[in-house]
Amino acid sequence: TLIGSALMGVIFCFLTVTLRVNQNVTG
């Protein structure tokens, strides 16, 4: 569970921090 859900966090950060995609849309 920790690994799977943390990977979702990685996806969110990659899109919003690295690629600077809108946070609301990404979520």
PDB file of all heavy atoms in Angstrom:
ATOM      1  N   THR A   1       0.823  -1.204   0.000  1.00  0.00           N
ATOM      2  CA  THR A   1       0.000   0.000   0.000  1.00  0.00           C
ATOM      3  C   THR A   1       0.857   1.254   0.000  1.00  0.00           C
ATOM      4  O   THR A   1       0.608   2.194  -0.765  1.00  0.00           O
ATOM      5  CB  THR A   1      -0.922   0.008   1.235  1.00  0.00           C
ATOM      6  OG1 THR A   1      -1.846  -1.072   1.133  1.00  0.00           O
ATOM      7  CG2 THR A   1      -1.694   1.325   1.335  1.00  0.00           C
ATOM      8  N   LEU A   2       1.869   1.277   0.858  1.00  0.00           N
ATOM      9  CA  LEU A   2       2.755   2.436   0.938  1.00  0.00           C
ATOM     10  C   LEU A   2       3.465   2.688  -0.400  1.00  0.00           C
ATOM     11  O   LEU A   2       3.555   3.829  -0.863  1.00  0.00           O
ATOM     12  CB  LEU A   2       3.784   2.239   2.049  1.00  0.00           C
ATOM     13  CG  LEU A   2       3.251   2.286   3.484  1.00  0.00           C
ATOM     14  CD1 LEU A   2       4.345   1.875   4.469  1.00  0.00           C
ATOM     15  CD2 LEU A   2       2.735   3.683   3.822  1.00  0.00           C
ATOM     16  N   ILE A   3       3.946   1.621  -1.010  1.00  0.00           N
ATOM     17  CA  ILE A   3       4.673   1.759  -2.274  1.00  0.00           C
ATOM     18  C   ILE A   3       3.739   2.227  -3.388  1.00  0.00           C
ATOM     19  O   ILE A   3       4.042   3.168  -4.142  1.00  0.00           O
ATOM     20  CB  ILE A   3       5.344   0.429  -2.660  1.00  0.00           C
ATOM     21  CG1 ILE A   3       6.450   0.079  -1.661  1.00  0.00           C
ATOM     22  CG2 ILE A   3       5.924   0.501  -4.076  1.00  0.00           C
ATOM     23  CD1 ILE A   3       7.039  -1.304  -1.848  1.00  0.00           C
ATOM     24  N   GLY A   4       2.579   1.563  -3.503  1.00  0.00           N
ATOM     25  CA  GLY A   4       1.637   1.905  -4.570  1.00  0.00           C
ATOM     26  C   GLY A   4       1.119   3.328  -4.475  1.00  0.00           C
ATOM     27  O   GLY A   4       1.088   4.058  -5.472  1.00  0.00           O
ATOM     28  N   SER A   5       0.720   3.735  -3.279  1.00  0.00           N
ATOM     29  CA  SER A   5       0.183   5.086  -3.113  1.00  0.00           C
ATOM     30  C   SER A   5       1.275   6.147  -3.200  1.00  0.00           C
ATOM     31  O   SER A   5       1.035   7.261  -3.683  1.00  0.00           O
ATOM     32  CB  SER A   5      -0.576   5.201  -1.792  1.00  0.00           C
ATOM     33  OG  SER A   5       0.182   4.688  -0.720  1.00  0.00           O
ATOM     34  N   ALA A   6       2.495   5.816  -2.749  1.00  0.00           N
ATOM     35  CA  ALA A   6       3.611   6.753  -2.875  1.00  0.00           C
ATOM     36  C   ALA A   6       3.954   6.989  -4.348  1.00  0.00           C
ATOM     37  O   ALA A   6       4.327   8.108  -4.737  1.00  0.00           O
ATOM     38  CB  ALA A   6       4.830   6.242  -2.122  1.00  0.00           C
ATOM     39  N   LEU A   7       3.819   5.964  -5.163  1.00  0.00           N
ATOM     40  CA  LEU A   7       4.053   6.124  -6.601  1.00  0.00           C
ATOM     41  C   LEU A   7       3.040   7.082  -7.217  1.00  0.00           C
ATOM     42  O   LEU A   7       3.363   7.818  -8.156  1.00  0.00           O
ATOM     43  CB  LEU A   7       3.991   4.763  -7.307  1.00  0.00           C
ATOM     44  CG  LEU A   7       5.198   3.845  -7.102  1.00  0.00           C
ATOM     45  CD1 LEU A   7       4.965   2.491  -7.766  1.00  0.00           C
ATOM     46  CD2 LEU A   7       6.470   4.486  -7.645  1.00  0.00           C
ATOM     47  N   MET A   8       1.831   7.079  -6.675  1.00  0.00           N
ATOM     48  CA  MET A   8       0.837   8.065  -7.129  1.00  0.00           C
ATOM     49  C   MET A   8       1.316   9.477  -6.789  1.00  0.00           C
ATOM     50  O   MET A   8       1.107  10.424  -7.553  1.00  0.00           O
ATOM     51  CB  MET A   8      -0.502   7.780  -6.460  1.00  0.00           C
ATOM     52  CG  MET A   8      -1.182   6.512  -6.924  1.00  0.00           C
ATOM     53  SD  MET A   8      -1.912   6.659  -8.568  1.00  0.00           S
ATOM     54  CE  MET A   8      -3.415   7.574  -8.178  1.00  0.00           C
ATOM     55  N   GLY A   9       1.963   9.620  -5.641  1.00  0.00           N
ATOM     56  CA  GLY A   9       2.541  10.902  -5.266  1.00  0.00           C
ATOM     57  C   GLY A   9       3.651  11.318  -6.206  1.00  0.00           C
ATOM     58  O   GLY A   9       3.793  12.507  -6.533  1.00  0.00           O
ATOM     59  N   VAL A  10       4.456  10.344  -6.648  1.00  0.00           N
ATOM     60  CA  VAL A  10       5.531  10.633  -7.602  1.00  0.00           C
ATOM     61  C   VAL A  10       4.947  11.153  -8.910  1.00  0.00           C
ATOM     62  O   VAL A  10       5.452  12.119  -9.501  1.00  0.00           O
ATOM     63  CB  VAL A  10       6.384   9.373  -7.854  1.00  0.00           C
ATOM     64  CG1 VAL A  10       7.375   9.619  -8.986  1.00  0.00           C
ATOM     65  CG2 VAL A  10       7.128   8.963  -6.592  1.00  0.00           C
ATOM     66  N   ILE A  11       3.862  10.512  -9.360  1.00  0.00           N
ATOM     67  CA  ILE A  11       3.214  10.954 -10.598  1.00  0.00           C
ATOM     68  C   ILE A  11       2.697  12.380 -10.450  1.00  0.00           C
ATOM     69  O   ILE A  11       2.888  13.229 -11.336  1.00  0.00           O
ATOM     70  CB  ILE A  11       2.053  10.005 -10.967  1.00  0.00           C
ATOM     71  CG1 ILE A  11       2.595   8.610 -11.293  1.00  0.00           C
ATOM     72  CG2 ILE A  11       1.255  10.557 -12.149  1.00  0.00           C
ATOM     73  CD1 ILE A  11       1.509   7.569 -11.505  1.00  0.00           C
ATOM     74  N   PHE A  12       2.043  12.651  -9.308  1.00  0.00           N
ATOM     75  CA  PHE A  12       1.507  13.990  -9.071  1.00  0.00           C
ATOM     76  C   PHE A  12       2.630  15.026  -9.073  1.00  0.00           C
ATOM     77  O   PHE A  12       2.497  16.092  -9.684  1.00  0.00           O
ATOM     78  CB  PHE A  12       0.769  14.008  -7.724  1.00  0.00           C
ATOM     79  CG  PHE A  12       0.139  15.332  -7.396  1.00  0.00           C
ATOM     80  CD1 PHE A  12      -1.142  15.632  -7.835  1.00  0.00           C
ATOM     81  CD2 PHE A  12       0.820  16.284  -6.644  1.00  0.00           C
ATOM     82  CE1 PHE A  12      -1.729  16.858  -7.537  1.00  0.00           C
ATOM     83  CE2 PHE A  12       0.246  17.505  -6.346  1.00  0.00           C
ATOM     84  CZ  PHE A  12      -1.039  17.804  -6.798  1.00  0.00           C
ATOM     85  N   CYS A  13       3.730  14.736  -8.393  1.00  0.00           N
ATOM     86  CA  CYS A  13       4.845  15.685  -8.307  1.00  0.00           C
ATOM     87  C   CYS A  13       5.542  15.874  -9.653  1.00  0.00           C
ATOM     88  O   CYS A  13       5.948  16.985  -9.994  1.00  0.00           O
ATOM     89  CB  CYS A  13       5.854  15.217  -7.256  1.00  0.00           C
ATOM     90  SG  CYS A  13       5.282  15.405  -5.567  1.00  0.00           S
ATOM     91  N   PHE A  14       5.688  14.789 -10.391  1.00  0.00           N
ATOM     92  CA  PHE A  14       6.331  14.903 -11.699  1.00  0.00           C
ATOM     93  C   PHE A  14       5.548  15.853 -12.606  1.00  0.00           C
ATOM     94  O   PHE A  14       6.126  16.675 -13.323  1.00  0.00           O
ATOM     95  CB  PHE A  14       6.442  13.528 -12.365  1.00  0.00           C
ATOM     96  CG  PHE A  14       7.018  13.571 -13.756  1.00  0.00           C
ATOM     97  CD1 PHE A  14       8.378  13.806 -13.954  1.00  0.00           C
ATOM     98  CD2 PHE A  14       6.210  13.395 -14.863  1.00  0.00           C
ATOM     99  CE1 PHE A  14       8.916  13.866 -15.236  1.00  0.00           C
ATOM    100  CE2 PHE A  14       6.726  13.452 -16.147  1.00  0.00           C
ATOM    101  CZ  PHE A  14       8.088  13.687 -16.334  1.00  0.00           C
ATOM    102  N   LEU A  15       4.222  15.736 -12.530  1.00  0.00           N
ATOM    103  CA  LEU A  15       3.380  16.585 -13.370  1.00  0.00           C
ATOM    104  C   LEU A  15       3.340  18.029 -12.871  1.00  0.00           C
ATOM    105  O   LEU A  15       3.388  18.964 -13.669  1.00  0.00           O
ATOM    106  CB  LEU A  15       1.960  16.013 -13.438  1.00  0.00           C
ATOM    107  CG  LEU A  15       1.809  14.670 -14.164  1.00  0.00           C
ATOM    108  CD1 LEU A  15       0.397  14.130 -14.012  1.00  0.00           C
ATOM    109  CD2 LEU A  15       2.158  14.821 -15.641  1.00  0.00           C
ATOM    110  N   THR A  16       3.245  18.222 -11.565  1.00  0.00           N
ATOM    111  CA  THR A  16       3.040  19.570 -11.025  1.00  0.00           C
ATOM    112  C   THR A  16       4.334  20.312 -10.700  1.00  0.00           C
ATOM    113  O   THR A  16       4.392  21.539 -10.832  1.00  0.00           O
ATOM    114  CB  THR A  16       2.172  19.516  -9.755  1.00  0.00           C
ATOM    115  OG1 THR A  16       2.810  18.684  -8.763  1.00  0.00           O
ATOM    116  CG2 THR A  16       0.798  18.951 -10.066  1.00  0.00           C
ATOM    117  N   VAL A  17       5.366  19.574 -10.265  1.00  0.00           N
ATOM    118  CA  VAL A  17       6.632  20.224  -9.912  1.00  0.00           C
ATOM    119  C   VAL A  17       7.570  20.282 -11.117  1.00  0.00           C
ATOM    120  O   VAL A  17       8.105  21.343 -11.450  1.00  0.00           O
ATOM    121  CB  VAL A  17       7.326  19.488  -8.746  1.00  0.00           C
ATOM    122  CG1 VAL A  17       8.680  20.122  -8.446  1.00  0.00           C
ATOM    123  CG2 VAL A  17       6.444  19.520  -7.500  1.00  0.00           C
ATOM    124  N   THR A  18       7.747  19.142 -11.763  1.00  0.00           N
ATOM    125  CA  THR A  18       8.683  19.085 -12.894  1.00  0.00           C
ATOM    126  C   THR A  18       8.093  19.693 -14.163  1.00  0.00           C
ATOM    127  O   THR A  18       8.732  20.507 -14.833  1.00  0.00           O
ATOM    128  CB  THR A  18       9.103  17.633 -13.158  1.00  0.00           C
ATOM    129  OG1 THR A  18       9.661  17.069 -11.953  1.00  0.00           O
ATOM    130  CG2 THR A  18      10.148  17.572 -14.269  1.00  0.00           C
ATOM    131  N   LEU A  19       6.850  19.289 -14.482  1.00  0.00           N
ATOM    132  CA  LEU A  19       6.229  19.776 -15.719  1.00  0.00           C
ATOM    133  C   LEU A  19       5.337  20.999 -15.491  1.00  0.00           C
ATOM    134  O   LEU A  19       4.843  21.588 -16.460  1.00  0.00           O
ATOM    135  CB  LEU A  19       5.404  18.653 -16.361  1.00  0.00           C
ATOM    136  CG  LEU A  19       6.179  17.388 -16.758  1.00  0.00           C
ATOM    137  CD1 LEU A  19       5.258  16.400 -17.446  1.00  0.00           C
ATOM    138  CD2 LEU A  19       7.368  17.722 -17.647  1.00  0.00           C
ATOM    139  N   ARG A  20       5.085  21.331 -14.219  1.00  0.00           N
ATOM    140  CA  ARG A  20       4.317  22.525 -13.845  1.00  0.00           C
ATOM    141  C   ARG A  20       2.881  22.515 -14.378  1.00  0.00           C
ATOM    142  O   ARG A  20       2.342  23.541 -14.801  1.00  0.00           O
ATOM    143  CB  ARG A  20       5.040  23.794 -14.324  1.00  0.00           C
ATOM    144  CG  ARG A  20       6.419  23.956 -13.720  1.00  0.00           C
ATOM    145  CD  ARG A  20       7.173  25.093 -14.350  1.00  0.00           C
ATOM    146  NE  ARG A  20       8.507  25.239 -13.755  1.00  0.00           N
ATOM    147  CZ  ARG A  20       9.423  26.084 -14.212  1.00  0.00           C
ATOM    148  NH1 ARG A  20       9.156  26.862 -15.248  1.00  0.00           N
ATOM    149  NH2 ARG A  20      10.601  26.161 -13.625  1.00  0.00           N
ATOM    150  N   VAL A  21       2.255  21.349 -14.337  1.00  0.00           N
ATOM    151  CA  VAL A  21       0.859  21.220 -14.737  1.00  0.00           C
ATOM    152  C   VAL A  21      -0.025  21.722 -13.597  1.00  0.00           C
ATOM    153  O   VAL A  21       0.344  21.649 -12.419  1.00  0.00           O
ATOM    154  CB  VAL A  21       0.518  19.750 -15.074  1.00  0.00           C
ATOM    155  CG1 VAL A  21      -0.944  19.592 -15.468  1.00  0.00           C
ATOM    156  CG2 VAL A  21       1.434  19.251 -16.194  1.00  0.00           C
ATOM    157  N   ASN A  22      -1.199  22.225 -13.930  1.00  0.00           N
ATOM    158  CA  ASN A  22      -2.134  22.720 -12.927  1.00  0.00           C
ATOM    159  C   ASN A  22      -2.450  21.631 -11.894  1.00  0.00           C
ATOM    160  O   ASN A  22      -2.783  20.499 -12.248  1.00  0.00           O
ATOM    161  CB  ASN A  22      -3.422  23.183 -13.612  1.00  0.00           C
ATOM    162  CG  ASN A  22      -4.425  23.749 -12.639  1.00  0.00           C
ATOM    163  OD1 ASN A  22      -5.183  23.019 -12.005  1.00  0.00           O
ATOM    164  ND2 ASN A  22      -4.453  25.075 -12.520  1.00  0.00           N
ATOM    165  N   GLN A  23      -2.379  21.981 -10.604  1.00  0.00           N
ATOM    166  CA  GLN A  23      -2.563  20.999  -9.531  1.00  0.00           C
ATOM    167  C   GLN A  23      -3.986  20.466  -9.462  1.00  0.00           C
ATOM    168  O   GLN A  23      -4.200  19.274  -9.200  1.00  0.00           O
ATOM    169  CB  GLN A  23      -2.168  21.619  -8.188  1.00  0.00           C
ATOM    170  CG  GLN A  23      -0.687  21.922  -8.061  1.00  0.00           C
ATOM    171  CD  GLN A  23      -0.323  22.465  -6.699  1.00  0.00           C
ATOM    172  OE1 GLN A  23      -1.009  22.243  -5.709  1.00  0.00           O
ATOM    173  NE2 GLN A  23       0.786  23.199  -6.632  1.00  0.00           N
ATOM    174  N   ASN A  24      -4.968  21.320  -9.661  1.00  0.00           N
ATOM    175  CA  ASN A  24      -6.362  20.882  -9.586  1.00  0.00           C
ATOM    176  C   ASN A  24      -6.687  19.860 -10.673  1.00  0.00           C
ATOM    177  O   ASN A  24      -7.302  18.823 -10.407  1.00  0.00           O
ATOM    178  CB  ASN A  24      -7.308  22.081  -9.701  1.00  0.00           C
ATOM    179  CG  ASN A  24      -7.177  23.036  -8.529  1.00  0.00           C
ATOM    180  OD1 ASN A  24      -6.872  22.624  -7.417  1.00  0.00           O
ATOM    181  ND2 ASN A  24      -7.404  24.319  -8.783  1.00  0.00           N
ATOM    182  N   VAL A  25      -6.250  20.158 -11.880  1.00  0.00           N
ATOM    183  CA  VAL A  25      -6.502  19.253 -13.005  1.00  0.00           C
ATOM    184  C   VAL A  25      -5.779  17.934 -12.784  1.00  0.00           C
ATOM    185  O   VAL A  25      -6.336  16.848 -13.005  1.00  0.00           O
ATOM    186  CB  VAL A  25      -6.048  19.897 -14.331  1.00  0.00           C
ATOM    187  CG1 VAL A  25      -6.173  18.900 -15.484  1.00  0.00           C
ATOM    188  CG2 VAL A  25      -6.857  21.153 -14.616  1.00  0.00           C
ATOM    189  N   THR A  26      -4.529  18.005 -12.322  1.00  0.00           N
ATOM    190  CA  THR A  26      -3.742  16.794 -12.075  1.00  0.00           C
ATOM    191  C   THR A  26      -4.385  15.926 -11.006  1.00  0.00           C
ATOM    192  O   THR A  26      -4.475  14.698 -11.153  1.00  0.00           O
ATOM    193  CB  THR A  26      -2.314  17.163 -11.643  1.00  0.00           C
ATOM    194  OG1 THR A  26      -1.712  17.972 -12.651  1.00  0.00           O
ATOM    195  CG2 THR A  26      -1.480  15.918 -11.433  1.00  0.00           C
ATOM    196  N   GLY A  27      -4.838  16.553  -9.922  1.00  0.00           N
ATOM    197  CA  GLY A  27      -5.457  15.798  -8.838  1.00  0.00           C
ATOM    198  C   GLY A  27      -6.719  15.087  -9.280  1.00  0.00           C
ATOM    199  O   GLY A  27      -6.927  13.908  -8.972  1.00  0.00           O
TER     200      GLY A  27
END
